[in-house]
Amino acid sequence: MQARTNAEVATLRQGRTLFVHRCIECHTLPPFWHYRAEDWPHIIDTMSHRANLRPADRDAIVAYILAVRAQ
């Protein structure tokens, strides 16, 4: 269980780093609550080409956004 938790924390850290550094290259960072949770995967997917994100990067960003929204 510890390894899984560490992996999840690493993914969330990566997602935060990518969100903060890559998304801001084109626009200001939107508030997490500005869009519904179910909209975020599509939003990130549509912008991923411009940001040159790999699928794992997209997944990490979405995981980070959804984790923050759940707090």
PDB file of N, CA and C in Angstrom:
ATOM      1  N   MET A   1       0.828  -1.194   0.000  1.00  0.00           N
ATOM      2  CA  MET A   1       0.000   0.000   0.000  1.00  0.00           C
ATOM      3  C   MET A   1       0.868   1.252   0.000  1.00  0.00           C
ATOM      4  N   GLN A   2       1.986   1.232   0.701  1.00  0.00           N
ATOM      5  CA  GLN A   2       2.870   2.392   0.766  1.00  0.00           C
ATOM      6  C   GLN A   2       3.392   2.762  -0.625  1.00  0.00           C
ATOM      7  N   ALA A   3       3.773   1.782  -1.427  1.00  0.00           N
ATOM      8  CA  ALA A   3       4.278   2.054  -2.768  1.00  0.00           C
ATOM      9  C   ALA A   3       3.202   2.705  -3.629  1.00  0.00           C
ATOM     10  N   ARG A   4       1.975   2.242  -3.479  1.00  0.00           N
ATOM     11  CA  ARG A   4       0.868   2.827  -4.247  1.00  0.00           C
ATOM     12  C   ARG A   4       0.657   4.273  -3.833  1.00  0.00           C
ATOM     13  N   THR A   5       0.676   4.549  -2.556  1.00  0.00           N
ATOM     14  CA  THR A   5       0.498   5.910  -2.067  1.00  0.00           C
ATOM     15  C   THR A   5       1.606   6.814  -2.570  1.00  0.00           C
ATOM     16  N   ASN A   6       2.849   6.340  -2.529  1.00  0.00           N
ATOM     17  CA  ASN A   6       3.965   7.132  -3.023  1.00  0.00           C
ATOM     18  C   ASN A   6       3.819   7.424  -4.515  1.00  0.00           C
ATOM     19  N   ALA A   7       3.351   6.445  -5.267  1.00  0.00           N
ATOM     20  CA  ALA A   7       3.142   6.637  -6.699  1.00  0.00           C
ATOM     21  C   ALA A   7       2.055   7.677  -6.936  1.00  0.00           C
ATOM     22  N   GLU A   8       1.000   7.614  -6.159  1.00  0.00           N
ATOM     23  CA  GLU A   8      -0.082   8.582  -6.311  1.00  0.00           C
ATOM     24  C   GLU A   8       0.392   9.988  -5.963  1.00  0.00           C
ATOM     25  N   VAL A   9       1.173  10.117  -4.899  1.00  0.00           N
ATOM     26  CA  VAL A   9       1.707  11.418  -4.513  1.00  0.00           C
ATOM     27  C   VAL A   9       2.640  11.936  -5.606  1.00  0.00           C
ATOM     28  N   ALA A  10       3.467  11.076  -6.157  1.00  0.00           N
ATOM     29  CA  ALA A  10       4.373  11.479  -7.235  1.00  0.00           C
ATOM     30  C   ALA A  10       3.591  11.951  -8.456  1.00  0.00           C
ATOM     31  N   THR A  11       2.511  11.265  -8.782  1.00  0.00           N
ATOM     32  CA  THR A  11       1.676  11.664  -9.912  1.00  0.00           C
ATOM     33  C   THR A  11       1.046  13.024  -9.660  1.00  0.00           C
ATOM     34  N   LEU A  12       0.548  13.242  -8.452  1.00  0.00           N
ATOM     35  CA  LEU A  12      -0.061  14.530  -8.123  1.00  0.00           C
ATOM     36  C   LEU A  12       0.973  15.653  -8.161  1.00  0.00           C
ATOM     37  N   ARG A  13       2.169  15.390  -7.685  1.00  0.00           N
ATOM     38  CA  ARG A  13       3.236  16.405  -7.758  1.00  0.00           C
ATOM     39  C   ARG A  13       3.570  16.733  -9.199  1.00  0.00           C
ATOM     40  N   GLN A  14       3.677  15.705 -10.013  1.00  0.00           N
ATOM     41  CA  GLN A  14       3.970  15.916 -11.427  1.00  0.00           C
ATOM     42  C   GLN A  14       2.838  16.708 -12.079  1.00  0.00           C
ATOM     43  N   GLY A  15       1.600  16.358 -11.754  1.00  0.00           N
ATOM     44  CA  GLY A  15       0.450  17.064 -12.309  1.00  0.00           C
ATOM     45  C   GLY A  15       0.442  18.527 -11.931  1.00  0.00           C
ATOM     46  N   ARG A  16       0.777  18.818 -10.682  1.00  0.00           N
ATOM     47  CA  ARG A  16       0.824  20.218 -10.235  1.00  0.00           C
ATOM     48  C   ARG A  16       1.916  20.971 -10.976  1.00  0.00           C
ATOM     49  N   THR A  17       3.076  20.372 -11.076  1.00  0.00           N
ATOM     50  CA  THR A  17       4.200  21.020 -11.760  1.00  0.00           C
ATOM     51  C   THR A  17       3.852  21.312 -13.218  1.00  0.00           C
ATOM     52  N   LEU A  18       3.287  20.332 -13.888  1.00  0.00           N
ATOM     53  CA  LEU A  18       2.903  20.526 -15.288  1.00  0.00           C
ATOM     54  C   LEU A  18       1.826  21.589 -15.417  1.00  0.00           C
ATOM     55  N   PHE A  19       0.826  21.542 -14.549  1.00  0.00           N
ATOM     56  CA  PHE A  19      -0.267  22.509 -14.595  1.00  0.00           C
ATOM     57  C   PHE A  19       0.273  23.922 -14.418  1.00  0.00           C
ATOM     58  N   VAL A  20       1.106  24.114 -13.422  1.00  0.00           N
ATOM     59  CA  VAL A  20       1.624  25.443 -13.113  1.00  0.00           C
ATOM     60  C   VAL A  20       2.577  25.944 -14.193  1.00  0.00           C
ATOM     61  N   HIS A  21       3.433  25.092 -14.697  1.00  0.00           N
ATOM     62  CA  HIS A  21       4.461  25.552 -15.624  1.00  0.00           C
ATOM     63  C   HIS A  21       4.060  25.506 -17.097  1.00  0.00           C
ATOM     64  N   ARG A  22       3.264  24.542 -17.474  1.00  0.00           N
ATOM     65  CA  ARG A  22       2.938  24.399 -18.899  1.00  0.00           C
ATOM     66  C   ARG A  22       1.678  25.160 -19.281  1.00  0.00           C
ATOM     67  N   CYS A  23       0.676  25.118 -18.440  1.00  0.00           N
ATOM     68  CA  CYS A  23      -0.592  25.764 -18.793  1.00  0.00           C
ATOM     69  C   CYS A  23      -0.450  27.288 -18.839  1.00  0.00           C
ATOM     70  N   ILE A  24       0.372  27.814 -17.962  1.00  0.00           N
ATOM     71  CA  ILE A  24       0.534  29.266 -17.893  1.00  0.00           C
ATOM     72  C   ILE A  24       1.302  29.822 -19.094  1.00  0.00           C
ATOM     73  N   GLU A  25       1.910  28.962 -19.874  1.00  0.00           N
ATOM     74  CA  GLU A  25       2.614  29.431 -21.071  1.00  0.00           C
ATOM     75  C   GLU A  25       1.658  30.084 -22.074  1.00  0.00           C
ATOM     76  N   CYS A  26       0.384  29.674 -22.051  1.00  0.00           N
ATOM     77  CA  CYS A  26      -0.588  30.202 -23.017  1.00  0.00           C
ATOM     78  C   CYS A  26      -1.666  31.088 -22.391  1.00  0.00           C
ATOM     79  N   HIS A  27      -1.959  30.892 -21.107  1.00  0.00           N
ATOM     80  CA  HIS A  27      -3.054  31.648 -20.492  1.00  0.00           C
ATOM     81  C   HIS A  27      -2.899  31.634 -18.980  1.00  0.00           C
ATOM     82  N   THR A  28      -3.697  32.458 -18.318  1.00  0.00           N
ATOM     83  CA  THR A  28      -3.687  32.432 -16.856  1.00  0.00           C
ATOM     84  C   THR A  28      -4.301  31.121 -16.384  1.00  0.00           C
ATOM     85  N   LEU A  29      -3.963  30.737 -15.188  1.00  0.00           N
ATOM     86  CA  LEU A  29      -4.484  29.483 -14.651  1.00  0.00           C
ATOM     87  C   LEU A  29      -5.934  29.673 -14.218  1.00  0.00           C
ATOM     88  N   PRO A  30      -6.816  28.832 -14.718  1.00  0.00           N
ATOM     89  CA  PRO A  30      -8.225  28.964 -14.341  1.00  0.00           C
ATOM     90  C   PRO A  30      -8.464  28.411 -12.933  1.00  0.00           C
ATOM     91  N   PRO A  31      -9.426  28.976 -12.237  1.00  0.00           N
ATOM     92  CA  PRO A  31      -9.800  28.387 -10.946  1.00  0.00           C
ATOM     93  C   PRO A  31     -10.320  26.965 -11.167  1.00  0.00           C
ATOM     94  N   PHE A  32      -9.961  26.081 -10.275  1.00  0.00           N
ATOM     95  CA  PHE A  32     -10.364  24.677 -10.418  1.00  0.00           C
ATOM     96  C   PHE A  32     -11.873  24.502 -10.451  1.00  0.00           C
ATOM     97  N   TRP A  33     -12.592  25.334  -9.775  1.00  0.00           N
ATOM     98  CA  TRP A  33     -14.042  25.204  -9.679  1.00  0.00           C
ATOM     99  C   TRP A  33     -14.763  25.905 -10.837  1.00  0.00           C
ATOM    100  N   HIS A  34     -14.003  26.550 -11.732  1.00  0.00           N
ATOM    101  CA  HIS A  34     -14.610  27.260 -12.858  1.00  0.00           C
ATOM    102  C   HIS A  34     -15.320  26.296 -13.807  1.00  0.00           C
ATOM    103  N   TYR A  35     -14.830  25.064 -13.869  1.00  0.00           N
ATOM    104  CA  TYR A  35     -15.432  24.033 -14.717  1.00  0.00           C
ATOM    105  C   TYR A  35     -15.842  22.847 -13.846  1.00  0.00           C
ATOM    106  N   ARG A  36     -16.793  22.070 -14.338  1.00  0.00           N
ATOM    107  CA  ARG A  36     -17.213  20.876 -13.614  1.00  0.00           C
ATOM    108  C   ARG A  36     -16.103  19.838 -13.653  1.00  0.00           C
ATOM    109  N   ALA A  37     -16.056  18.986 -12.642  1.00  0.00           N
ATOM    110  CA  ALA A  37     -15.024  17.948 -12.562  1.00  0.00           C
ATOM    111  C   ALA A  37     -15.025  17.071 -13.814  1.00  0.00           C
ATOM    112  N   GLU A  38     -16.195  16.742 -14.307  1.00  0.00           N
ATOM    113  CA  GLU A  38     -16.268  15.872 -15.480  1.00  0.00           C
ATOM    114  C   GLU A  38     -15.838  16.575 -16.773  1.00  0.00           C
ATOM    115  N   ASP A  39     -15.716  17.901 -16.749  1.00  0.00           N
ATOM    116  CA  ASP A  39     -15.262  18.639 -17.934  1.00  0.00           C
ATOM    117  C   ASP A  39     -13.735  18.701 -18.055  1.00  0.00           C
ATOM    118  N   TRP A  40     -13.036  18.599 -16.937  1.00  0.00           N
ATOM    119  CA  TRP A  40     -11.585  18.781 -16.945  1.00  0.00           C
ATOM    120  C   TRP A  40     -10.835  17.810 -17.861  1.00  0.00           C
ATOM    121  N   PRO A  41     -11.147  16.523 -17.888  1.00  0.00           N
ATOM    122  CA  PRO A  41     -10.396  15.638 -18.791  1.00  0.00           C
ATOM    123  C   PRO A  41     -10.458  16.104 -20.251  1.00  0.00           C
ATOM    124  N   HIS A  42     -11.624  16.522 -20.695  1.00  0.00           N
ATOM    125  CA  HIS A  42     -11.764  16.994 -22.077  1.00  0.00           C
ATOM    126  C   HIS A  42     -11.007  18.313 -22.282  1.00  0.00           C
ATOM    127  N   ILE A  43     -11.089  19.205 -21.330  1.00  0.00           N
ATOM    128  CA  ILE A  43     -10.394  20.490 -21.431  1.00  0.00           C
ATOM    129  C   ILE A  43      -8.888  20.266 -21.569  1.00  0.00           C
ATOM    130  N   ILE A  44      -8.347  19.441 -20.689  1.00  0.00           N
ATOM    131  CA  ILE A  44      -6.902  19.172 -20.733  1.00  0.00           C
ATOM    132  C   ILE A  44      -6.542  18.465 -22.033  1.00  0.00           C
ATOM    133  N   ASP A  45      -7.381  17.546 -22.467  1.00  0.00           N
ATOM    134  CA  ASP A  45      -7.110  16.813 -23.703  1.00  0.00           C
ATOM    135  C   ASP A  45      -7.074  17.754 -24.905  1.00  0.00           C
ATOM    136  N   THR A  46      -7.982  18.713 -24.967  1.00  0.00           N
ATOM    137  CA  THR A  46      -8.013  19.617 -26.116  1.00  0.00           C
ATOM    138  C   THR A  46      -6.813  20.557 -26.144  1.00  0.00           C
ATOM    139  N   MET A  47      -6.238  20.845 -25.009  1.00  0.00           N
ATOM    140  CA  MET A  47      -5.089  21.749 -24.954  1.00  0.00           C
ATOM    141  C   MET A  47      -3.749  21.006 -24.958  1.00  0.00           C
ATOM    142  N   SER A  48      -3.788  19.706 -24.861  1.00  0.00           N
ATOM    143  CA  SER A  48      -2.555  18.942 -24.712  1.00  0.00           C
ATOM    144  C   SER A  48      -1.650  19.006 -25.940  1.00  0.00           C
ATOM    145  N   HIS A  49      -2.215  19.121 -27.112  1.00  0.00           N
ATOM    146  CA  HIS A  49      -1.382  19.184 -28.314  1.00  0.00           C
ATOM    147  C   HIS A  49      -0.545  20.466 -28.312  1.00  0.00           C
ATOM    148  N   ARG A  50      -1.178  21.574 -28.006  1.00  0.00           N
ATOM    149  CA  ARG A  50      -0.462  22.851 -27.980  1.00  0.00           C
ATOM    150  C   ARG A  50       0.627  22.844 -26.913  1.00  0.00           C
ATOM    151  N   ALA A  51       0.336  22.200 -25.780  1.00  0.00           N
ATOM    152  CA  ALA A  51       1.302  22.151 -24.681  1.00  0.00           C
ATOM    153  C   ALA A  51       2.299  21.000 -24.835  1.00  0.00           C
ATOM    154  N   ASN A  52       2.133  20.217 -25.905  1.00  0.00           N
ATOM    155  CA  ASN A  52       3.023  19.089 -26.168  1.00  0.00           C
ATOM    156  C   ASN A  52       3.075  18.119 -24.973  1.00  0.00           C
ATOM    157  N   LEU A  53       1.887  17.750 -24.495  1.00  0.00           N
ATOM    158  CA  LEU A  53       1.793  16.844 -23.351  1.00  0.00           C
ATOM    159  C   LEU A  53       1.641  15.397 -23.813  1.00  0.00           C
ATOM    160  N   ARG A  54       2.333  14.516 -23.156  1.00  0.00           N
ATOM    161  CA  ARG A  54       2.168  13.079 -23.375  1.00  0.00           C
ATOM    162  C   ARG A  54       0.898  12.621 -22.652  1.00  0.00           C
ATOM    163  N   PRO A  55       0.372  11.461 -22.995  1.00  0.00           N
ATOM    164  CA  PRO A  55      -0.816  10.963 -22.291  1.00  0.00           C
ATOM    165  C   PRO A  55      -0.615  10.887 -20.771  1.00  0.00           C
ATOM    166  N   ALA A  56       0.552  10.457 -20.319  1.00  0.00           N
ATOM    167  CA  ALA A  56       0.803  10.381 -18.873  1.00  0.00           C
ATOM    168  C   ALA A  56       0.804  11.765 -18.238  1.00  0.00           C
ATOM    169  N   ASP A  57       1.269  12.768 -18.981  1.00  0.00           N
ATOM    170  CA  ASP A  57       1.238  14.144 -18.479  1.00  0.00           C
ATOM    171  C   ASP A  57      -0.205  14.621 -18.328  1.00  0.00           C
ATOM    172  N   ARG A  58      -1.011  14.355 -19.343  1.00  0.00           N
ATOM    173  CA  ARG A  58      -2.427  14.739 -19.279  1.00  0.00           C
ATOM    174  C   ARG A  58      -3.096  14.076 -18.094  1.00  0.00           C
ATOM    175  N   ASP A  59      -2.849  12.792 -17.908  1.00  0.00           N
ATOM    176  CA  ASP A  59      -3.459  12.067 -16.791  1.00  0.00           C
ATOM    177  C   ASP A  59      -3.033  12.647 -15.450  1.00  0.00           C
ATOM    178  N   ALA A  60      -1.771  13.032 -15.339  1.00  0.00           N
ATOM    179  CA  ALA A  60      -1.264  13.598 -14.080  1.00  0.00           C
ATOM    180  C   ALA A  60      -1.914  14.946 -13.794  1.00  0.00           C
ATOM    181  N   ILE A  61      -2.070  15.772 -14.823  1.00  0.00           N
ATOM    182  CA  ILE A  61      -2.710  17.081 -14.621  1.00  0.00           C
ATOM    183  C   ILE A  61      -4.156  16.900 -14.196  1.00  0.00           C
ATOM    184  N   VAL A  62      -4.872  16.035 -14.870  1.00  0.00           N
ATOM    185  CA  VAL A  62      -6.280  15.789 -14.508  1.00  0.00           C
ATOM    186  C   VAL A  62      -6.372  15.235 -13.089  1.00  0.00           C
ATOM    187  N   ALA A  63      -5.506  14.302 -12.740  1.00  0.00           N
ATOM    188  CA  ALA A  63      -5.522  13.744 -11.382  1.00  0.00           C
ATOM    189  C   ALA A  63      -5.290  14.838 -10.346  1.00  0.00           C
ATOM    190  N   TYR A  64      -4.347  15.734 -10.618  1.00  0.00           N
ATOM    191  CA  TYR A  64      -4.061  16.835  -9.697  1.00  0.00           C
ATOM    192  C   TYR A  64      -5.279  17.755  -9.558  1.00  0.00           C
ATOM    193  N   ILE A  65      -5.858  18.152 -10.661  1.00  0.00           N
ATOM    194  CA  ILE A  65      -7.017  19.055 -10.615  1.00  0.00           C
ATOM    195  C   ILE A  65      -8.168  18.419  -9.855  1.00  0.00           C
ATOM    196  N   LEU A  66      -8.455  17.170 -10.139  1.00  0.00           N
ATOM    197  CA  LEU A  66      -9.574  16.497  -9.463  1.00  0.00           C
ATOM    198  C   LEU A  66      -9.295  16.283  -7.990  1.00  0.00           C
ATOM    199  N   ALA A  67      -8.034  16.043  -7.623  1.00  0.00           N
ATOM    200  CA  ALA A  67      -7.690  15.886  -6.207  1.00  0.00           C
ATOM    201  C   ALA A  67      -7.878  17.201  -5.460  1.00  0.00           C
ATOM    202  N   VAL A  68      -7.479  18.291  -6.073  1.00  0.00           N
ATOM    203  CA  VAL A  68      -7.650  19.601  -5.436  1.00  0.00           C
ATOM    204  C   VAL A  68      -9.125  19.923  -5.303  1.00  0.00           C
ATOM    205  N   ARG A  69      -9.896  19.661  -6.336  1.00  0.00           N
ATOM    206  CA  ARG A  69     -11.342  19.932  -6.278  1.00  0.00           C
ATOM    207  C   ARG A  69     -12.031  19.112  -5.188  1.00  0.00           C
ATOM    208  N   ALA A  70     -11.513  17.943  -4.898  1.00  0.00           N
ATOM    209  CA  ALA A  70     -12.139  17.054  -3.910  1.00  0.00           C
ATOM    210  C   ALA A  70     -11.899  17.522  -2.470  1.00  0.00           C
ATOM    211  N   GLN A  71     -10.995  18.438  -2.287  1.00  0.00           N
ATOM    212  CA  GLN A  71     -10.658  18.905  -0.934  1.00  0.00           C
ATOM    213  C   GLN A  71     -11.702  19.829  -0.384  1.00  0.00           C
TER     214      GLN A  71
END
